[in-house]
Amino acid sequence: MAAPATPRPNNEFLNREKREAERIRLPDELHGEVMAFQPMRVIEISRGGATIHTTFPLHLGSVHDLRVTIHDVSVVLKGRVEHSRVTDVGDGRVTYRSGLEFVETSERAAAVITGLLDEVKASRITSP
């Protein structure tokens, strides 16, 4: 026989005390979307945009936050999807190649990208 369920404490009072604004129960459902960071692979990057590979489609014209880490520095870039297509199908996976234009890029993110581009260019010059 299963143990009786432990009653859950009523946190309604505590939750009300933490909120700065009153929450109102809606008479009808309100639908939306949850943004979740999913893995991607950056193939090409410039100061103005990037080409990425994902395992999910991106809709033309949609704007997404992209979190990338360059030399232990994490930046979030906002990119508008300019084109997207299937590039590979196999092993039960689909790979999409999408081109994004960066919008509203912060000075910090621009500096990190510029540093990466300069580093890659310099390594090409010094490599035999």
N, C-alpha and C. Protein backbone atom coordinates (compact mmCIF):
# COMPACT_ATOMS: atom_id res chain seq x y z
N MET A 1 0.84 -1.17 0.00
CA MET A 1 0.00 0.00 0.00
C MET A 1 0.89 1.24 0.00
N ALA A 2 0.55 2.21 -0.82
CA ALA A 2 1.35 3.43 -0.96
C ALA A 2 1.17 4.31 0.27
N ALA A 3 2.22 5.03 0.58
CA ALA A 3 2.16 5.97 1.71
C ALA A 3 1.22 7.11 1.34
N PRO A 4 0.50 7.65 2.34
CA PRO A 4 -0.40 8.75 2.04
C PRO A 4 0.38 9.98 1.57
N ALA A 5 -0.22 10.71 0.67
CA ALA A 5 0.42 11.90 0.12
C ALA A 5 0.59 12.94 1.21
N THR A 6 1.75 13.57 1.22
CA THR A 6 2.02 14.63 2.18
C THR A 6 1.35 15.90 1.68
N PRO A 7 0.56 16.53 2.53
CA PRO A 7 -0.10 17.76 2.08
C PRO A 7 0.94 18.83 1.76
N ARG A 8 0.68 19.55 0.69
CA ARG A 8 1.58 20.63 0.28
C ARG A 8 1.22 21.89 1.05
N PRO A 9 2.22 22.63 1.48
CA PRO A 9 1.92 23.87 2.21
C PRO A 9 1.27 24.88 1.28
N ASN A 10 0.39 25.68 1.84
CA ASN A 10 -0.28 26.71 1.07
C ASN A 10 0.62 27.94 1.04
N ASN A 11 1.24 28.18 -0.12
CA ASN A 11 2.18 29.28 -0.26
C ASN A 11 1.52 30.52 -0.86
N GLU A 12 0.20 30.52 -0.93
CA GLU A 12 -0.49 31.64 -1.56
C GLU A 12 -0.14 32.96 -0.88
N PHE A 13 -0.12 32.95 0.45
CA PHE A 13 0.20 34.17 1.18
C PHE A 13 1.63 34.62 0.88
N LEU A 14 2.57 33.67 0.91
CA LEU A 14 3.97 34.01 0.65
C LEU A 14 4.14 34.55 -0.76
N ASN A 15 3.50 33.92 -1.75
CA ASN A 15 3.61 34.37 -3.13
C ASN A 15 3.04 35.78 -3.29
N ARG A 16 1.92 36.05 -2.64
CA ARG A 16 1.32 37.38 -2.73
C ARG A 16 2.25 38.43 -2.15
N GLU A 17 2.95 38.07 -1.08
CA GLU A 17 3.84 39.03 -0.44
C GLU A 17 5.06 39.35 -1.30
N LYS A 18 5.51 38.43 -2.16
CA LYS A 18 6.69 38.63 -2.98
C LYS A 18 6.38 39.46 -4.23
N ARG A 19 5.16 39.44 -4.69
CA ARG A 19 4.81 40.12 -5.93
C ARG A 19 4.67 41.62 -5.72
N GLU A 20 5.17 42.37 -6.69
CA GLU A 20 5.02 43.82 -6.65
C GLU A 20 3.73 44.25 -7.32
N ALA A 21 3.22 43.42 -8.23
CA ALA A 21 2.00 43.77 -8.95
C ALA A 21 1.00 42.62 -8.83
N GLU A 22 -0.26 42.97 -8.77
CA GLU A 22 -1.32 41.98 -8.63
C GLU A 22 -1.46 41.18 -9.92
N ARG A 23 -1.64 39.87 -9.78
CA ARG A 23 -1.92 39.02 -10.93
C ARG A 23 -3.43 38.83 -11.04
N ILE A 24 -3.92 38.92 -12.25
CA ILE A 24 -5.34 38.79 -12.52
C ILE A 24 -5.58 37.51 -13.30
N ARG A 25 -6.52 36.69 -12.84
CA ARG A 25 -6.87 35.48 -13.57
C ARG A 25 -7.65 35.88 -14.82
N LEU A 26 -7.24 35.34 -15.96
CA LEU A 26 -7.86 35.69 -17.24
C LEU A 26 -9.11 34.85 -17.48
N PRO A 27 -10.15 35.45 -18.06
CA PRO A 27 -11.38 34.70 -18.33
C PRO A 27 -11.21 33.69 -19.47
N ASP A 28 -10.29 33.98 -20.39
CA ASP A 28 -10.01 33.09 -21.51
C ASP A 28 -8.52 32.77 -21.52
N GLU A 29 -8.17 31.72 -22.26
CA GLU A 29 -6.77 31.36 -22.36
C GLU A 29 -6.01 32.37 -23.20
N LEU A 30 -4.79 32.64 -22.84
CA LEU A 30 -3.89 33.49 -23.59
C LEU A 30 -2.73 32.62 -24.03
N HIS A 31 -2.53 32.50 -25.33
CA HIS A 31 -1.48 31.61 -25.83
C HIS A 31 -0.23 32.40 -26.19
N GLY A 32 0.91 31.76 -26.07
CA GLY A 32 2.19 32.38 -26.39
C GLY A 32 3.21 31.30 -26.65
N GLU A 33 4.46 31.67 -26.62
CA GLU A 33 5.54 30.74 -26.86
C GLU A 33 6.63 30.95 -25.82
N VAL A 34 7.32 29.88 -25.48
CA VAL A 34 8.45 29.95 -24.56
C VAL A 34 9.72 29.86 -25.40
N MET A 35 10.64 30.79 -25.16
CA MET A 35 11.92 30.73 -25.86
C MET A 35 12.87 29.87 -25.05
N ALA A 36 13.49 28.94 -25.72
CA ALA A 36 14.47 28.09 -25.05
C ALA A 36 15.71 28.01 -25.93
N PHE A 37 16.86 28.15 -25.33
CA PHE A 37 18.10 28.04 -26.10
C PHE A 37 18.30 26.60 -26.53
N GLN A 38 18.51 26.40 -27.81
CA GLN A 38 18.76 25.10 -28.40
C GLN A 38 20.16 25.11 -29.01
N PRO A 39 20.81 23.96 -29.10
CA PRO A 39 22.16 23.93 -29.68
C PRO A 39 22.15 24.38 -31.14
N MET A 40 23.20 25.07 -31.54
CA MET A 40 23.41 25.46 -32.92
C MET A 40 24.90 25.43 -33.18
N ARG A 41 25.25 25.44 -34.45
CA ARG A 41 26.66 25.47 -34.84
C ARG A 41 26.86 26.69 -35.74
N VAL A 42 27.75 27.57 -35.36
CA VAL A 42 28.04 28.75 -36.18
C VAL A 42 29.06 28.34 -37.23
N ILE A 43 28.69 28.51 -38.51
CA ILE A 43 29.55 28.11 -39.62
C ILE A 43 30.38 29.29 -40.11
N GLU A 44 29.74 30.44 -40.25
CA GLU A 44 30.39 31.67 -40.69
C GLU A 44 29.87 32.82 -39.84
N ILE A 45 30.71 33.83 -39.64
CA ILE A 45 30.27 34.99 -38.87
C ILE A 45 30.94 36.24 -39.42
N SER A 46 30.23 37.33 -39.36
CA SER A 46 30.77 38.64 -39.71
C SER A 46 30.22 39.63 -38.69
N ARG A 47 30.59 40.88 -38.84
CA ARG A 47 30.05 41.90 -37.94
C ARG A 47 28.54 42.07 -38.14
N GLY A 48 28.06 41.71 -39.34
CA GLY A 48 26.65 41.93 -39.66
C GLY A 48 25.74 40.73 -39.55
N GLY A 49 26.31 39.52 -39.40
CA GLY A 49 25.44 38.36 -39.35
C GLY A 49 26.21 37.05 -39.26
N ALA A 50 25.48 35.95 -39.41
CA ALA A 50 26.10 34.63 -39.28
C ALA A 50 25.32 33.60 -40.08
N THR A 51 26.01 32.54 -40.44
CA THR A 51 25.38 31.35 -41.00
C THR A 51 25.46 30.28 -39.93
N ILE A 52 24.32 29.67 -39.63
CA ILE A 52 24.28 28.67 -38.56
C ILE A 52 23.64 27.38 -39.05
N HIS A 53 23.97 26.28 -38.39
CA HIS A 53 23.31 24.99 -38.60
C HIS A 53 22.51 24.66 -37.34
N THR A 54 21.28 24.21 -37.54
CA THR A 54 20.43 23.78 -36.43
C THR A 54 19.75 22.48 -36.82
N THR A 55 19.13 21.82 -35.84
CA THR A 55 18.35 20.62 -36.12
C THR A 55 16.86 20.92 -36.12
N PHE A 56 16.53 22.19 -36.20
CA PHE A 56 15.14 22.63 -36.21
C PHE A 56 15.02 23.80 -37.18
N PRO A 57 13.86 23.97 -37.79
CA PRO A 57 13.70 25.07 -38.76
C PRO A 57 13.55 26.42 -38.08
N LEU A 58 13.99 27.45 -38.77
CA LEU A 58 13.79 28.83 -38.34
C LEU A 58 12.95 29.51 -39.42
N HIS A 59 11.96 30.25 -39.02
CA HIS A 59 11.04 30.89 -39.96
C HIS A 59 11.62 32.19 -40.50
N LEU A 60 11.47 32.39 -41.80
CA LEU A 60 11.96 33.62 -42.44
C LEU A 60 11.37 34.84 -41.75
N GLY A 61 12.22 35.81 -41.49
CA GLY A 61 11.78 37.05 -40.86
C GLY A 61 11.70 37.00 -39.35
N SER A 62 11.76 35.81 -38.76
CA SER A 62 11.69 35.72 -37.30
C SER A 62 13.00 36.21 -36.69
N VAL A 63 12.92 36.71 -35.46
CA VAL A 63 14.09 37.24 -34.77
C VAL A 63 14.36 36.35 -33.55
N HIS A 64 15.62 35.97 -33.39
CA HIS A 64 15.99 35.05 -32.32
C HIS A 64 17.19 35.59 -31.55
N ASP A 65 17.23 35.28 -30.25
CA ASP A 65 18.40 35.56 -29.44
C ASP A 65 19.35 34.38 -29.58
N LEU A 66 20.61 34.66 -29.87
CA LEU A 66 21.63 33.63 -30.04
C LEU A 66 22.70 33.85 -28.98
N ARG A 67 22.94 32.86 -28.17
CA ARG A 67 23.99 32.97 -27.16
C ARG A 67 25.22 32.22 -27.66
N VAL A 68 26.33 32.92 -27.76
CA VAL A 68 27.58 32.31 -28.20
C VAL A 68 28.66 32.63 -27.18
N THR A 69 29.61 31.72 -27.06
CA THR A 69 30.73 31.93 -26.15
C THR A 69 32.00 31.95 -26.98
N ILE A 70 32.71 33.07 -26.91
CA ILE A 70 33.95 33.24 -27.65
C ILE A 70 35.05 33.51 -26.63
N HIS A 71 36.00 32.57 -26.52
CA HIS A 71 37.10 32.70 -25.55
C HIS A 71 36.58 32.99 -24.15
N ASP A 72 35.68 32.20 -23.67
CA ASP A 72 35.12 32.31 -22.32
C ASP A 72 34.29 33.57 -22.10
N VAL A 73 33.96 34.28 -23.16
CA VAL A 73 33.10 35.46 -23.05
C VAL A 73 31.78 35.11 -23.72
N SER A 74 30.71 35.13 -22.95
CA SER A 74 29.39 34.80 -23.47
C SER A 74 28.66 36.08 -23.85
N VAL A 75 28.14 36.12 -25.08
CA VAL A 75 27.37 37.27 -25.54
C VAL A 75 26.07 36.77 -26.16
N VAL A 76 25.07 37.61 -26.09
CA VAL A 76 23.79 37.30 -26.72
C VAL A 76 23.61 38.25 -27.89
N LEU A 77 23.37 37.66 -29.06
CA LEU A 77 23.16 38.41 -30.28
C LEU A 77 21.72 38.22 -30.72
N LYS A 78 21.16 39.23 -31.30
CA LYS A 78 19.80 39.12 -31.83
C LYS A 78 19.94 39.03 -33.35
N GLY A 79 19.34 37.98 -33.95
CA GLY A 79 19.47 37.78 -35.39
C GLY A 79 18.13 37.56 -36.07
N ARG A 80 17.95 38.22 -37.21
CA ARG A 80 16.74 38.05 -38.04
C ARG A 80 17.06 37.04 -39.13
N VAL A 81 16.19 36.04 -39.30
CA VAL A 81 16.39 34.99 -40.29
C VAL A 81 16.13 35.55 -41.69
N GLU A 82 17.17 35.55 -42.53
CA GLU A 82 17.06 36.05 -43.89
C GLU A 82 16.84 34.91 -44.90
N HIS A 83 17.40 33.75 -44.59
CA HIS A 83 17.14 32.56 -45.43
C HIS A 83 17.38 31.32 -44.59
N SER A 84 16.71 30.23 -44.97
CA SER A 84 16.85 28.97 -44.25
C SER A 84 16.47 27.83 -45.17
N ARG A 85 17.25 26.75 -45.14
CA ARG A 85 16.94 25.60 -45.99
C ARG A 85 17.50 24.32 -45.37
N VAL A 86 16.96 23.20 -45.78
CA VAL A 86 17.45 21.90 -45.35
C VAL A 86 18.75 21.64 -46.10
N THR A 87 19.79 21.24 -45.37
CA THR A 87 21.07 20.95 -46.02
C THR A 87 21.46 19.49 -45.91
N ASP A 88 20.88 18.76 -44.96
CA ASP A 88 21.26 17.36 -44.80
C ASP A 88 20.12 16.60 -44.14
N VAL A 89 19.88 15.41 -44.63
CA VAL A 89 18.89 14.50 -44.02
C VAL A 89 19.57 13.15 -43.91
N GLY A 90 19.61 12.61 -42.72
CA GLY A 90 20.22 11.30 -42.53
C GLY A 90 20.28 10.93 -41.08
N ASP A 91 20.32 9.61 -40.83
CA ASP A 91 20.40 9.08 -39.47
C ASP A 91 19.29 9.63 -38.58
N GLY A 92 18.11 9.85 -39.17
CA GLY A 92 16.98 10.33 -38.38
C GLY A 92 17.08 11.79 -38.00
N ARG A 93 18.02 12.52 -38.60
CA ARG A 93 18.21 13.94 -38.28
C ARG A 93 18.09 14.79 -39.54
N VAL A 94 17.61 15.99 -39.35
CA VAL A 94 17.56 16.98 -40.42
C VAL A 94 18.43 18.15 -39.97
N THR A 95 19.27 18.65 -40.86
CA THR A 95 20.09 19.82 -40.55
C THR A 95 19.62 20.98 -41.42
N TYR A 96 19.41 22.12 -40.77
CA TYR A 96 18.98 23.33 -41.46
C TYR A 96 20.13 24.33 -41.46
N ARG A 97 20.34 24.97 -42.58
CA ARG A 97 21.34 26.04 -42.71
C ARG A 97 20.59 27.35 -42.85
N SER A 98 20.86 28.28 -41.93
CA SER A 98 20.13 29.55 -41.92
C SER A 98 21.10 30.71 -41.89
N GLY A 99 20.74 31.75 -42.61
CA GLY A 99 21.51 32.99 -42.60
C GLY A 99 20.77 34.02 -41.78
N LEU A 100 21.48 34.62 -40.82
CA LEU A 100 20.87 35.61 -39.94
C LEU A 100 21.58 36.94 -40.05
N GLU A 101 20.81 38.00 -40.03
CA GLU A 101 21.35 39.35 -39.96
C GLU A 101 21.24 39.80 -38.51
N PHE A 102 22.36 40.28 -37.96
CA PHE A 102 22.33 40.76 -36.58
C PHE A 102 21.57 42.09 -36.52
N VAL A 103 20.75 42.22 -35.50
CA VAL A 103 20.02 43.46 -35.26
C VAL A 103 20.24 43.86 -33.81
N GLU A 104 20.29 45.14 -33.55
CA GLU A 104 20.44 45.66 -32.19
C GLU A 104 21.66 45.07 -31.47
N THR A 105 22.79 45.02 -32.15
CA THR A 105 24.00 44.44 -31.55
C THR A 105 24.60 45.42 -30.55
N SER A 106 24.86 44.93 -29.35
CA SER A 106 25.47 45.78 -28.31
C SER A 106 26.93 46.05 -28.67
N GLU A 107 27.47 47.11 -28.10
CA GLU A 107 28.88 47.45 -28.34
C GLU A 107 29.79 46.33 -27.85
N ARG A 108 29.44 45.74 -26.72
CA ARG A 108 30.24 44.64 -26.16
C ARG A 108 30.26 43.45 -27.10
N ALA A 109 29.08 43.05 -27.61
CA ALA A 109 29.00 41.91 -28.53
C ALA A 109 29.76 42.21 -29.81
N ALA A 110 29.62 43.42 -30.34
CA ALA A 110 30.33 43.81 -31.56
C ALA A 110 31.84 43.74 -31.34
N ALA A 111 32.31 44.17 -30.18
CA ALA A 111 33.74 44.13 -29.87
C ALA A 111 34.24 42.69 -29.79
N VAL A 112 33.45 41.80 -29.21
CA VAL A 112 33.86 40.40 -29.09
C VAL A 112 33.94 39.77 -30.48
N ILE A 113 32.95 40.04 -31.33
CA ILE A 113 32.96 39.50 -32.70
C ILE A 113 34.15 40.06 -33.48
N THR A 114 34.37 41.36 -33.37
CA THR A 114 35.50 41.98 -34.07
C THR A 114 36.82 41.36 -33.63
N GLY A 115 36.97 41.12 -32.34
CA GLY A 115 38.17 40.47 -31.83
C GLY A 115 38.37 39.08 -32.42
N LEU A 116 37.28 38.32 -32.51
CA LEU A 116 37.36 36.97 -33.10
C LEU A 116 37.74 37.06 -34.57
N LEU A 117 37.10 37.95 -35.32
CA LEU A 117 37.40 38.09 -36.74
C LEU A 117 38.86 38.48 -36.96
N ASP A 118 39.35 39.43 -36.18
CA ASP A 118 40.75 39.86 -36.29
C ASP A 118 41.69 38.71 -35.99
N GLU A 119 41.35 37.91 -34.98
CA GLU A 119 42.19 36.77 -34.61
C GLU A 119 42.24 35.72 -35.72
N VAL A 120 41.08 35.42 -36.30
CA VAL A 120 41.03 34.42 -37.39
C VAL A 120 41.80 34.92 -38.60
N LYS A 121 41.63 36.19 -38.95
CA LYS A 121 42.35 36.77 -40.09
C LYS A 121 43.86 36.72 -39.85
N ALA A 122 44.30 37.07 -38.64
CA ALA A 122 45.73 37.06 -38.31
C ALA A 122 46.30 35.65 -38.38
N SER A 123 45.53 34.65 -37.95
CA SER A 123 46.02 33.27 -37.97
C SER A 123 46.15 32.77 -39.40
N ARG A 124 45.33 33.26 -40.31
CA ARG A 124 45.43 32.87 -41.73
C ARG A 124 46.70 33.45 -42.36
N ILE A 125 47.08 34.66 -41.93
CA ILE A 125 48.27 35.30 -42.47
C ILE A 125 49.54 34.59 -42.00
N THR A 126 49.55 34.18 -40.73
CA THR A 126 50.75 33.55 -40.16
C THR A 126 50.84 32.06 -40.43
N SER A 127 49.75 31.44 -40.88
CA SER A 127 49.78 30.00 -41.17
C SER A 127 50.42 29.76 -42.54
N PRO A 128 51.26 28.70 -42.61
CA PRO A 128 51.91 28.40 -43.91
C PRO A 128 50.94 27.88 -44.93
